[in-house]
């Protein structure tokens, strides 16, 4: 969206004459809105289980490696839970047969 605003500010059509002051104001306001948007972004990881309350934690101040480790732990726990559920289902199927 901001790239579009910048492009609109810089377009110089022959039919439309825009003063350099107007272009400057447009570019300045675009950069201000971009900075405000970047500052207001939430840096939260949210994991939503089926039917449960989501697990949310802030990632502000964590390095990229720390974020990767956390996501790897969560993925491992998810895989372990799925394997456990599969074993239970297979056990029930084998007892029925």
N, C-alpha and C. Protein backbone atom coordinates (compact mmCIF):
# COMPACT_ATOMS: atom_id res chain seq x y z
N UNK A 1 0.82 -1.18 0.00
CA UNK A 1 0.00 0.00 0.00
C UNK A 1 0.87 1.26 0.00
N UNK A 2 1.92 1.23 0.82
CA UNK A 2 2.79 2.41 0.90
C UNK A 2 3.59 2.59 -0.38
N UNK A 3 3.94 1.48 -1.01
CA UNK A 3 4.66 1.58 -2.28
C UNK A 3 3.75 2.23 -3.32
N UNK A 4 2.47 1.88 -3.28
CA UNK A 4 1.51 2.49 -4.20
C UNK A 4 1.40 3.99 -3.95
N UNK A 5 1.35 4.39 -2.68
CA UNK A 5 1.28 5.82 -2.37
C UNK A 5 2.53 6.55 -2.87
N UNK A 6 3.68 5.94 -2.68
CA UNK A 6 4.92 6.57 -3.15
C UNK A 6 4.91 6.68 -4.67
N UNK A 7 4.44 5.62 -5.34
CA UNK A 7 4.39 5.65 -6.80
C UNK A 7 3.44 6.74 -7.29
N UNK A 8 2.30 6.88 -6.63
CA UNK A 8 1.35 7.93 -7.02
C UNK A 8 1.97 9.30 -6.82
N UNK A 9 2.73 9.45 -5.76
CA UNK A 9 3.38 10.74 -5.50
C UNK A 9 4.41 11.07 -6.56
N UNK A 10 5.07 10.06 -7.10
CA UNK A 10 6.17 10.31 -8.03
C UNK A 10 5.74 10.36 -9.49
N UNK A 11 4.51 9.92 -9.78
CA UNK A 11 4.05 9.91 -11.18
C UNK A 11 3.97 11.34 -11.69
N UNK A 12 4.49 11.52 -12.89
CA UNK A 12 4.49 12.85 -13.49
C UNK A 12 3.79 12.75 -14.85
N UNK A 13 2.47 12.78 -14.83
CA UNK A 13 1.70 12.73 -16.08
C UNK A 13 1.77 14.08 -16.77
N UNK A 14 1.70 14.04 -18.09
CA UNK A 14 1.71 15.29 -18.85
C UNK A 14 0.40 16.06 -18.66
N UNK A 15 -0.69 15.33 -18.42
CA UNK A 15 -1.99 15.98 -18.29
C UNK A 15 -2.18 16.63 -16.92
N UNK A 16 -1.49 16.10 -15.93
CA UNK A 16 -1.68 16.60 -14.57
C UNK A 16 -0.37 17.22 -14.10
N UNK A 17 -0.44 18.44 -13.69
CA UNK A 17 0.76 19.11 -13.19
C UNK A 17 0.66 19.21 -11.68
N UNK A 18 1.64 18.64 -11.03
CA UNK A 18 1.67 18.64 -9.58
C UNK A 18 2.93 19.38 -9.15
N UNK A 19 2.77 20.29 -8.24
CA UNK A 19 3.93 21.07 -7.81
C UNK A 19 4.87 20.18 -7.00
N UNK A 20 6.11 20.57 -6.95
CA UNK A 20 7.09 19.79 -6.20
C UNK A 20 6.78 19.84 -4.70
N UNK A 21 6.14 20.91 -4.25
CA UNK A 21 5.73 20.98 -2.84
C UNK A 21 4.68 19.93 -2.52
N UNK A 22 3.73 19.74 -3.42
CA UNK A 22 2.69 18.73 -3.20
C UNK A 22 3.29 17.33 -3.20
N UNK A 23 4.25 17.09 -4.10
CA UNK A 23 4.92 15.79 -4.12
C UNK A 23 5.69 15.57 -2.82
N UNK A 24 6.34 16.60 -2.34
CA UNK A 24 7.11 16.49 -1.10
C UNK A 24 6.21 16.18 0.09
N UNK A 25 5.08 16.87 0.15
CA UNK A 25 4.13 16.62 1.24
C UNK A 25 3.60 15.19 1.17
N UNK A 26 3.29 14.75 -0.04
CA UNK A 26 2.78 13.39 -0.24
C UNK A 26 3.81 12.36 0.20
N UNK A 27 5.05 12.52 -0.24
CA UNK A 27 6.11 11.58 0.15
C UNK A 27 6.37 11.61 1.65
N UNK A 28 6.41 12.79 2.22
CA UNK A 28 6.65 12.93 3.66
C UNK A 28 5.55 12.24 4.47
N UNK A 29 4.29 12.49 4.10
CA UNK A 29 3.18 11.87 4.84
C UNK A 29 3.18 10.36 4.66
N UNK A 30 3.56 9.88 3.48
CA UNK A 30 3.64 8.44 3.25
C UNK A 30 4.68 7.81 4.15
N UNK A 31 5.84 8.42 4.27
CA UNK A 31 6.89 7.87 5.13
C UNK A 31 6.50 7.95 6.60
N UNK A 32 5.81 9.00 7.00
CA UNK A 32 5.34 9.09 8.39
C UNK A 32 4.36 7.97 8.70
N UNK A 33 3.40 7.73 7.79
CA UNK A 33 2.44 6.64 8.00
C UNK A 33 3.13 5.28 8.00
N UNK A 34 4.13 5.11 7.17
CA UNK A 34 4.89 3.85 7.14
C UNK A 34 5.62 3.62 8.47
N UNK A 35 6.23 4.65 8.99
CA UNK A 35 6.94 4.53 10.27
C UNK A 35 5.96 4.23 11.40
N UNK A 36 4.82 4.91 11.41
CA UNK A 36 3.81 4.65 12.44
C UNK A 36 3.28 3.22 12.35
N UNK A 37 3.09 2.73 11.13
CA UNK A 37 2.61 1.37 10.95
C UNK A 37 3.64 0.36 11.46
N UNK A 38 4.90 0.57 11.14
CA UNK A 38 5.94 -0.35 11.59
C UNK A 38 6.07 -0.35 13.11
N UNK A 39 5.88 0.80 13.73
CA UNK A 39 5.99 0.90 15.19
C UNK A 39 4.79 0.26 15.89
N UNK A 40 3.64 0.22 15.22
CA UNK A 40 2.44 -0.28 15.87
C UNK A 40 2.19 -1.76 15.63
N UNK A 41 3.01 -2.40 14.80
CA UNK A 41 2.81 -3.82 14.52
C UNK A 41 2.97 -4.63 15.79
N UNK A 42 2.06 -5.57 16.00
CA UNK A 42 2.18 -6.48 17.13
C UNK A 42 3.12 -7.60 16.74
N UNK A 43 4.02 -7.89 17.61
CA UNK A 43 4.93 -9.00 17.37
C UNK A 43 4.57 -10.11 18.34
N UNK A 44 3.45 -10.78 18.01
CA UNK A 44 2.91 -11.83 18.86
C UNK A 44 2.74 -13.10 18.03
N UNK A 45 3.19 -14.22 18.56
CA UNK A 45 2.94 -15.51 17.94
C UNK A 45 1.71 -16.09 18.62
N UNK A 46 0.76 -16.52 17.82
CA UNK A 46 -0.50 -17.05 18.34
C UNK A 46 -0.72 -18.44 17.76
N UNK A 47 -0.94 -19.41 18.64
CA UNK A 47 -1.20 -20.79 18.23
C UNK A 47 -2.62 -21.12 18.65
N UNK A 48 -3.46 -21.46 17.67
CA UNK A 48 -4.88 -21.70 17.92
C UNK A 48 -5.18 -23.20 17.82
N UNK A 49 -5.42 -23.84 18.95
CA UNK A 49 -5.84 -25.25 18.90
C UNK A 49 -7.31 -25.34 18.53
N UNK A 50 -7.72 -26.50 18.06
CA UNK A 50 -9.14 -26.69 17.72
C UNK A 50 -9.97 -26.68 18.98
N UNK A 51 -10.83 -25.70 19.11
CA UNK A 51 -11.76 -25.63 20.22
C UNK A 51 -11.14 -25.17 21.54
N UNK A 52 -9.89 -24.80 21.54
CA UNK A 52 -9.25 -24.38 22.78
C UNK A 52 -8.88 -22.92 22.76
N UNK A 53 -8.40 -22.47 23.89
CA UNK A 53 -7.95 -21.09 24.00
C UNK A 53 -6.59 -20.96 23.32
N UNK A 54 -6.40 -19.91 22.52
CA UNK A 54 -5.12 -19.76 21.82
C UNK A 54 -3.96 -19.47 22.78
N UNK A 55 -2.81 -19.99 22.41
CA UNK A 55 -1.58 -19.72 23.15
C UNK A 55 -0.90 -18.55 22.45
N UNK A 56 -0.67 -17.47 23.18
CA UNK A 56 -0.06 -16.28 22.59
C UNK A 56 1.14 -15.86 23.41
N UNK A 57 2.21 -15.49 22.73
CA UNK A 57 3.36 -14.94 23.43
C UNK A 57 4.03 -13.90 22.55
N UNK A 58 4.57 -12.89 23.22
CA UNK A 58 5.23 -11.79 22.52
C UNK A 58 6.64 -12.22 22.11
N UNK A 59 7.04 -11.78 20.94
CA UNK A 59 8.38 -12.10 20.45
C UNK A 59 9.29 -10.88 20.46
N UNK A 60 8.82 -9.80 21.05
CA UNK A 60 9.64 -8.59 21.13
C UNK A 60 10.87 -8.87 21.97
N UNK A 61 12.03 -8.57 21.45
CA UNK A 61 13.28 -8.76 22.19
C UNK A 61 13.92 -10.12 22.00
N UNK A 62 13.23 -11.03 21.30
CA UNK A 62 13.81 -12.35 21.05
C UNK A 62 14.58 -12.31 19.74
N UNK A 63 15.69 -13.03 19.70
CA UNK A 63 16.43 -13.12 18.46
C UNK A 63 15.72 -14.09 17.52
N UNK A 64 16.12 -14.09 16.27
CA UNK A 64 15.52 -14.98 15.28
C UNK A 64 15.75 -16.45 15.66
N UNK A 65 16.92 -16.75 16.21
CA UNK A 65 17.22 -18.12 16.64
C UNK A 65 16.32 -18.55 17.79
N UNK A 66 16.07 -17.65 18.74
CA UNK A 66 15.19 -17.98 19.86
C UNK A 66 13.76 -18.24 19.39
N UNK A 67 13.30 -17.44 18.43
CA UNK A 67 11.97 -17.65 17.87
C UNK A 67 11.89 -19.01 17.19
N UNK A 68 12.94 -19.35 16.45
CA UNK A 68 12.99 -20.63 15.75
C UNK A 68 12.94 -21.78 16.74
N UNK A 69 13.67 -21.67 17.84
CA UNK A 69 13.70 -22.74 18.85
C UNK A 69 12.31 -22.92 19.46
N UNK A 70 11.64 -21.82 19.78
CA UNK A 70 10.30 -21.90 20.36
C UNK A 70 9.34 -22.58 19.39
N UNK A 71 9.37 -22.17 18.14
CA UNK A 71 8.47 -22.79 17.16
C UNK A 71 8.81 -24.26 16.93
N UNK A 72 10.08 -24.61 17.00
CA UNK A 72 10.49 -26.01 16.85
C UNK A 72 9.97 -26.84 18.03
N UNK A 73 10.02 -26.29 19.24
CA UNK A 73 9.51 -26.99 20.43
C UNK A 73 8.00 -27.21 20.30
N UNK A 74 7.29 -26.18 19.85
CA UNK A 74 5.84 -26.29 19.68
C UNK A 74 5.51 -27.33 18.61
N UNK A 75 6.25 -27.31 17.51
CA UNK A 75 6.01 -28.27 16.43
C UNK A 75 6.30 -29.70 16.91
N UNK A 76 7.34 -29.86 17.70
CA UNK A 76 7.69 -31.18 18.24
C UNK A 76 6.58 -31.68 19.18
N UNK A 77 6.06 -30.79 20.02
CA UNK A 77 4.97 -31.17 20.93
C UNK A 77 3.72 -31.57 20.14
N UNK A 78 3.46 -30.85 19.07
CA UNK A 78 2.31 -31.16 18.24
C UNK A 78 2.48 -32.54 17.59
N UNK A 79 3.66 -32.81 17.08
CA UNK A 79 3.95 -34.11 16.46
C UNK A 79 3.83 -35.23 17.48
N UNK A 80 4.36 -35.03 18.66
CA UNK A 80 4.26 -36.04 19.73
C UNK A 80 2.80 -36.33 20.07
N UNK A 81 1.98 -35.29 20.17
CA UNK A 81 0.57 -35.46 20.49
C UNK A 81 -0.15 -36.23 19.39
N UNK A 82 0.15 -35.90 18.13
CA UNK A 82 -0.47 -36.62 17.01
C UNK A 82 -0.05 -38.09 17.00
N UNK A 83 1.22 -38.36 17.29
CA UNK A 83 1.68 -39.75 17.35
C UNK A 83 0.97 -40.51 18.47
N UNK A 84 0.79 -39.86 19.60
CA UNK A 84 0.10 -40.48 20.73
C UNK A 84 -1.35 -40.80 20.36
N UNK A 85 -2.03 -39.85 19.71
CA UNK A 85 -3.41 -40.08 19.30
C UNK A 85 -3.50 -41.20 18.26
N UNK A 86 -2.55 -41.25 17.34
CA UNK A 86 -2.54 -42.32 16.33
C UNK A 86 -2.38 -43.68 16.99
N UNK A 87 -1.52 -43.79 18.00
CA UNK A 87 -1.32 -45.06 18.71
C UNK A 87 -2.61 -45.49 19.39
N UNK A 88 -3.32 -44.54 20.01
CA UNK A 88 -4.58 -44.87 20.68
C UNK A 88 -5.61 -45.36 19.67
N UNK A 89 -5.70 -44.68 18.54
CA UNK A 89 -6.67 -45.07 17.52
C UNK A 89 -6.33 -46.45 16.97
N UNK A 90 -5.06 -46.69 16.68
CA UNK A 90 -4.65 -48.01 16.17
C UNK A 90 -4.91 -49.10 17.20
N UNK A 91 -4.68 -48.80 18.48
CA UNK A 91 -4.94 -49.78 19.54
C UNK A 91 -6.42 -50.14 19.58
N UNK A 92 -7.29 -49.13 19.48
CA UNK A 92 -8.73 -49.39 19.50
C UNK A 92 -9.16 -50.18 18.27
N UNK A 93 -8.59 -49.86 17.12
CA UNK A 93 -8.92 -50.57 15.89
C UNK A 93 -8.48 -52.03 16.00
N UNK A 94 -7.29 -52.27 16.53
CA UNK A 94 -6.78 -53.64 16.66
C UNK A 94 -7.61 -54.44 17.67
N UNK A 95 -8.14 -53.79 18.70
CA UNK A 95 -8.96 -54.50 19.67
C UNK A 95 -10.34 -54.84 19.11
N UNK A 96 -10.82 -54.05 18.16
CA UNK A 96 -12.12 -54.30 17.54
C UNK A 96 -12.00 -55.47 16.56
N UNK A 97 -10.89 -55.52 15.86
CA UNK A 97 -10.70 -56.55 14.83
C UNK A 97 -10.32 -57.82 15.46
